[in-house]
Amino acid sequence: MNDWPEGWSDDNRGPRYGRGSAGAQPEGARVMRQVRRGPAAPPQGAGVPQQPSYVDGQGYDGAPGYDSGYNTGHVYGTPGGRGPGGPDGTPTRAPRPAPNWRRRIKWTAITVATVVVVTSVATYFWADSKLRREVDLSTVIDRPEAGDGTNYLIVGSDSREGMSKEDEKKLHTGGAEGKRTDSMMILHVGGNGDTLISLPRDSDVVVPSYKGSTSGKTYPARGRHEKLNAAYAEDGPTLLVRSVEYNTGLHIDHYVEIGFQGFANIVDAVGGVEMTLDKGFKDKWSGADFKAGKQTLNGQQALAFVRTRHAFAASDLQRTKNQQKFLAALAHQVATPSTVLNPFRFYPTMGAGLDSLIVDKDMGLWDLASMFWAMKGVSGGDGTSMNMPISGSSGGNLVWDKAKVKTLVNELNNDEKVTVSGN
């Protein structure tokens, strides 16, 4: 049986070249079915076989095949696999689609809005958790009816809470036990302009009946006349609120208190407060040592400024004016873009303020914000700033002008424009 392919059988082999044959001439070309012969080439010499031709684009027996690329030099496309080349044979990239700016702006706006909302909500809950709601105004008895608008009693106490001996020495606070009030103000927020009224600490008031903040016992009125700050020293914020309401007839809606350390920390956190003083003054008791002119007060200097009383003839009245002037400057400084828009200043300022504030149990952040913006408005000339009208003194206490106080309270209760002037 012959297994040789056609053209390679034992019968037609003839003389062979190689394969152990003694033939002197090379054997002829073998017939290969996968290769088609092209046109015959010119003779290249005797006995030289014609070479096969590979026909491009055809496979075995002339069937359609695939282009290997060897005939044109392009194997598997252009170099780098980047697609068809240019007219000169250089590779080209497919053009990128034009950016969809409308879509980009849309998603950028959504992202920014989301960040703002999340940050605002987180800041709100952080700030709300820091408020010290320690004063329960529901224990105050025999309260006058609430009028139009909102009334805040703002108190600056000489509390040394959290202060070391070194702090007490640095801030010239002394080391007295207990707490007293160094400043008291009523802020009325209403639709006809806001009003800030300073209550001198030496104001002569009648101590009314009251319910003890810790004992719960009701103490009857005995007709005692005391300085207003004595009410705070006797039974704290609730007796102070009760005494203010009894002697004015004005309903107090919210209570806000800040101590020495907290006050100084807020001023330092905001980067200091710029003040312009008409006259310089010194006071060894408060540590004040100021020259006339424009200057920036740090926390220590600010505390000395608002506490100084011995350097003035009308000690308590001048001090309340200085306190109002400083609070106006502080509110302005806190509300500047350099503070509000700078998180490295805004959050420390908020933290310092909220950590040191003591408020009533019904106080919310919106109430606190309303109080702050009203104080800023008063300082900017959008409201009225005044001392409680004084008619004279008795036994070293300042006596209020009862007629003017009555008119003032009626205007505030009815949320009318204030026409009364103070000292």
Foldseek 3Di string as FASTA:
>chain_A
DFPDDPPCTPVPQPQADDPPGPDPAHGEDGDDQFFDADDFDPDPDPRDYTDTDHDAQAGGNRHGDHGCCPVPVAHPEAPPNQHHPDPVRHRDHDDDDDDDVVVVVVVVVVVVVVVVVVVVVVVQVVLQVLAAADAALVQWPDFFDFFAFAKEKEWEKADCPPPDPVRCVLLLSDDDDAMWTLWIWIWTDHDAFIEIATEFQLAWFFQAWGQAPPPRDIRHGDRDIGGLRVLCRVHHDNSSQNRVCVRQVHGHDKYKYFHLVLQLQLQVLLPFFKDAAQAFWADPNRGEGDGGGIDTDHSSNLSSQLRFQVGDPNRRQVSNVSVLLRLLRSLVSCPDCVQPVDPSRVVSNSSSNNNGMYMHPPDHPVNVVSVSVSSNCVSVVRHYYAYQAFDQADPSGTYGDVVLSNQQSVCSSNVHHDDGHHD
